[in-house]
Amino acid sequence: MNKLHCLSTVTVVLLALLTKLESDPGKFSIAQSAILNADYRDLFQFVAHPDTVEVWFRWISHFRAADKRPLGVGKLYQAVYSLPVLGDYIMLFRVMKYVPDSCMVLESESWLKPRFEVFATPISEEQARLTFRLVFRRSSALFQYTLGPLLRIFAQHYIQNSFSLLSNV
């Protein structure tokens, strides 16, 4: 019993330290790129259009504008994720950066604090490089070393799937 008590005390102390220990969330980001056969402007407009998101990003079951503003900094979007066992999880995203036809950065202040970046750059007249970057902006080392890796694995899978779906559109 004494060993169990000692082990549980050490575990609680370690968890408390990891909760307070800060880490740089940017070090835990994932980024993937693909070269697609499309004009970069057309590709970006397709990816940035709210009605197409659930076509190419299957992690999201519904993605809609949450306000009547035109696309630009400050625009709000609502994303609904269908999670096994937990059901639907809704996140509100705000456009933090927008460069027409080439760059959009979305952030949510939900518990996970995701930041999703989309970049489209020309390779040629008929090809474009599309880059997705995702970072969970939680600075807790406990989050980044426990739940963070699992979320990044899921995100990598869905991003790879997105490139596959976009190459067929």
Protein backbone atom coordinates (compact mmCIF):
# COMPACT_ATOMS: atom_id res chain seq x y z
CA MET A 1 0.00 0.00 0.00
CA ASN A 2 2.87 2.37 0.79
CA LYS A 3 4.41 1.88 -2.69
CA LEU A 4 1.05 2.54 -4.33
CA HIS A 5 0.57 5.71 -2.30
CA CYS A 6 4.08 6.90 -3.20
CA LEU A 7 3.53 6.14 -6.90
CA SER A 8 0.20 7.96 -6.97
CA THR A 9 1.74 10.98 -5.23
CA VAL A 10 4.60 11.11 -7.74
CA THR A 11 2.12 10.78 -10.61
CA VAL A 12 -0.03 13.64 -9.32
CA VAL A 13 3.05 15.85 -8.82
CA LEU A 14 4.30 15.09 -12.36
CA LEU A 15 0.90 15.84 -13.88
CA ALA A 16 0.74 19.11 -11.97
CA LEU A 17 4.20 20.08 -13.20
CA LEU A 18 3.39 19.17 -16.81
CA THR A 19 0.20 21.22 -16.60
CA LYS A 20 2.18 24.29 -15.51
CA LEU A 21 5.18 23.64 -17.77
CA GLU A 22 4.87 25.73 -20.93
CA SER A 23 5.93 24.60 -24.39
CA ASP A 24 6.05 26.32 -27.75
CA PRO A 25 2.97 25.04 -29.65
CA GLY A 26 4.61 25.96 -32.98
CA LYS A 27 7.16 23.20 -32.46
CA PHE A 28 4.31 20.70 -32.56
CA SER A 29 2.68 21.86 -35.79
CA ILE A 30 2.05 19.64 -38.76
CA ALA A 31 2.41 20.86 -42.32
CA GLN A 32 1.83 18.99 -45.55
CA SER A 33 1.95 20.09 -49.15
CA ALA A 34 0.89 18.63 -52.46
CA ILE A 35 1.23 19.70 -56.05
CA LEU A 36 -2.13 19.64 -57.79
CA ASN A 37 -3.08 20.10 -61.42
CA ALA A 38 -4.97 23.36 -61.16
CA ASP A 39 -4.44 27.09 -61.38
CA TYR A 40 -3.48 28.26 -57.88
CA ARG A 41 -6.22 30.91 -57.82
CA ASP A 42 -8.94 28.44 -58.81
CA LEU A 43 -7.62 25.90 -56.31
CA PHE A 44 -7.54 28.43 -53.48
CA GLN A 45 -11.04 29.70 -54.27
CA PHE A 46 -12.35 26.14 -54.26
CA VAL A 47 -10.66 25.26 -50.95
CA ALA A 48 -11.66 28.57 -49.29
CA HIS A 49 -15.33 28.33 -50.29
CA PRO A 50 -17.38 27.21 -47.26
CA ASP A 51 -19.70 25.01 -49.33
CA THR A 52 -16.81 22.81 -50.49
CA VAL A 53 -14.94 22.23 -47.22
CA GLU A 54 -16.86 19.11 -46.23
CA VAL A 55 -16.22 17.69 -49.73
CA TRP A 56 -12.42 17.77 -49.37
CA PHE A 57 -11.93 17.73 -45.57
CA ARG A 58 -13.86 14.76 -44.22
CA TRP A 59 -13.04 15.44 -40.55
CA ILE A 60 -15.62 18.23 -40.73
CA SER A 61 -19.24 17.21 -41.27
CA HIS A 62 -20.58 20.78 -41.71
CA PHE A 63 -18.79 24.07 -42.40
CA ARG A 64 -20.77 27.27 -42.74
CA ALA A 65 -20.37 31.02 -42.51
CA ALA A 66 -21.33 32.21 -39.04
CA ASP A 67 -21.82 35.85 -40.03
CA LYS A 68 -22.71 37.86 -43.12
CA ARG A 69 -19.29 39.49 -43.59
CA PRO A 70 -17.43 38.97 -46.85
CA LEU A 71 -14.36 36.75 -46.77
CA GLY A 72 -11.58 38.66 -45.04
CA VAL A 73 -9.97 39.20 -41.65
CA GLY A 74 -12.59 38.88 -38.92
CA LYS A 75 -14.98 36.65 -40.91
CA LEU A 76 -16.49 33.89 -38.74
CA TYR A 77 -17.13 30.26 -39.68
CA GLN A 78 -18.76 27.41 -37.78
CA ALA A 79 -17.29 23.92 -38.13
CA VAL A 80 -19.08 20.81 -36.91
CA TYR A 81 -16.98 17.73 -36.23
CA SER A 82 -18.73 14.38 -35.83
CA LEU A 83 -16.79 12.49 -33.17
CA PRO A 84 -17.35 8.81 -32.43
CA VAL A 85 -19.10 8.26 -29.09
CA LEU A 86 -19.03 12.00 -28.26
CA GLY A 87 -21.30 13.14 -31.07
CA ASP A 88 -21.08 16.56 -32.71
CA TYR A 89 -18.50 19.08 -31.56
CA ILE A 90 -18.91 22.67 -32.79
CA MET A 91 -16.04 25.14 -33.19
CA LEU A 92 -16.20 28.78 -34.16
CA PHE A 93 -13.30 29.91 -36.38
CA ARG A 94 -12.21 33.47 -37.14
CA VAL A 95 -10.19 34.46 -40.20
CA MET A 96 -6.99 35.94 -38.79
CA LYS A 97 -5.18 36.52 -42.08
CA TYR A 98 -6.43 36.60 -45.63
CA VAL A 99 -4.58 37.23 -48.88
CA PRO A 100 -6.94 36.75 -51.85
CA ASP A 101 -6.17 33.69 -53.97
CA SER A 102 -3.21 32.57 -51.88
CA CYS A 103 -3.48 32.52 -48.05
CA MET A 104 -6.03 32.12 -45.30
CA VAL A 105 -5.44 31.56 -41.58
CA LEU A 106 -8.29 30.41 -39.33
CA GLU A 107 -8.15 30.27 -35.53
CA SER A 108 -10.55 28.99 -32.92
CA GLU A 109 -10.59 29.80 -29.23
CA SER A 110 -12.19 26.44 -28.43
CA TRP A 111 -10.51 24.15 -25.92
CA LEU A 112 -8.06 22.76 -28.53
CA LYS A 113 -7.20 26.27 -29.83
CA PRO A 114 -6.52 25.13 -33.41
CA ARG A 115 -4.88 27.38 -35.99
CA PHE A 116 -5.35 26.16 -39.57
CA GLU A 117 -3.35 27.76 -42.38
CA VAL A 118 -3.95 27.31 -46.10
CA PHE A 119 -1.48 28.46 -48.74
CA ALA A 120 -1.74 28.15 -52.52
CA THR A 121 1.28 29.03 -54.64
CA PRO A 122 1.80 28.74 -58.39
CA ILE A 123 4.17 26.12 -59.77
CA SER A 124 3.15 26.73 -63.39
CA GLU A 125 0.04 27.92 -65.19
CA GLU A 126 -1.51 24.48 -64.72
CA GLN A 127 -0.06 23.41 -61.38
CA ALA A 128 -0.17 24.73 -57.84
CA ARG A 129 1.32 23.81 -54.50
CA LEU A 130 -1.29 23.59 -51.78
CA THR A 131 -0.01 23.64 -48.20
CA PHE A 132 -1.98 22.98 -45.03
CA ARG A 133 -0.49 23.74 -41.63
CA LEU A 134 -2.20 22.93 -38.34
CA VAL A 135 -1.11 23.80 -34.84
CA PHE A 136 -2.97 23.36 -31.58
CA ARG A 137 -2.06 26.58 -29.74
CA ARG A 138 -2.31 25.13 -26.25
CA SER A 139 1.01 25.78 -24.55
CA SER A 140 0.64 23.15 -21.82
CA ALA A 141 3.35 20.50 -22.09
CA LEU A 142 0.84 17.99 -20.70
CA PHE A 143 -1.44 18.63 -23.68
CA GLN A 144 1.37 18.66 -26.27
CA TYR A 145 2.84 15.35 -25.05
CA THR A 146 -0.37 13.43 -24.35
CA LEU A 147 -3.46 14.41 -26.36
CA GLY A 148 -1.54 16.50 -28.91
CA PRO A 149 0.24 13.57 -30.64
CA LEU A 150 -3.03 11.68 -31.06
CA LEU A 151 -4.75 14.75 -32.55
CA ARG A 152 -1.80 15.36 -34.89
CA ILE A 153 -1.92 11.75 -36.13
CA PHE A 154 -5.64 12.10 -36.90
CA ALA A 155 -5.06 15.48 -38.56
CA GLN A 156 -2.23 14.13 -40.74
CA HIS A 157 -4.47 11.30 -41.88
CA TYR A 158 -7.31 13.68 -42.78
CA ILE A 159 -4.97 16.14 -44.52
CA GLN A 160 -3.46 13.34 -46.63
CA ASN A 161 -6.99 12.21 -47.44
CA SER A 162 -7.86 15.80 -48.39
CA PHE A 163 -5.02 15.97 -50.91
CA SER A 164 -6.20 12.70 -52.40
CA LEU A 165 -9.77 14.00 -52.69
CA LEU A 166 -8.62 17.35 -54.13
CA SER A 167 -6.47 15.64 -56.77
CA ASN A 168 -9.64 13.94 -58.06
CA VAL A 169 -11.78 17.10 -58.20
